[in-house]
Amino acid sequence: MQQDDLQRISRAIGGLMRVAESERVHAARQRGTGIELSRTEVRFLAVVNDLGPLPVTALGSVLHLSQPTASRTLRRLEDEGLVERHTDTDGRVVRFGITASGRRVWQRFEAFMAQQLDESLATMPPDRRRELADLLEQLVEGTHGAAEET
């Protein structure tokens, strides 16, 4: 692959990441869903929804957060009734899972984000959308593979 192509891909990914993590986009998501959660709290809901109940250390690791930050975030989500504690049978490990209310909140955010993406891709023909989806999945798989090799 030519260096120019790699630079274009890298710049595009960087641009997408900056937009996705921007305060403006998150504020629009909060307004659009009527839900006042931080970006970190939304990410926690996504992870426990997708992966099931996890210990606080695993959640922090998946989200690249310190254990104290992960604990504080989980406490806020638990206080809001969006996650709940599950203690293993031996009582030593506490896992946090999403509640029905938390799942509904996550689904509202997820639906709003899909709507934002659909609007962003509105001028792209369906066959190009499918091609983009295939290429992005391939990029993610390749990135995971490269990370495992290092």
Foldseek 3Di string as FASTA:
>chain_A
DDPVVVVVVVVVVVVVVCVVQDPVVVVVLCVQLVDDDDPLLLVLLVCLVVPNWDFLVVSCVVVVHDSVVSVVSVVVCVVVVQWDWDAPPVRPTITIHGDPVNVVSNVSSVVVVVVVVCVVCVVPDPVVVVVVVVVVVVVVVVVVVVVVVD
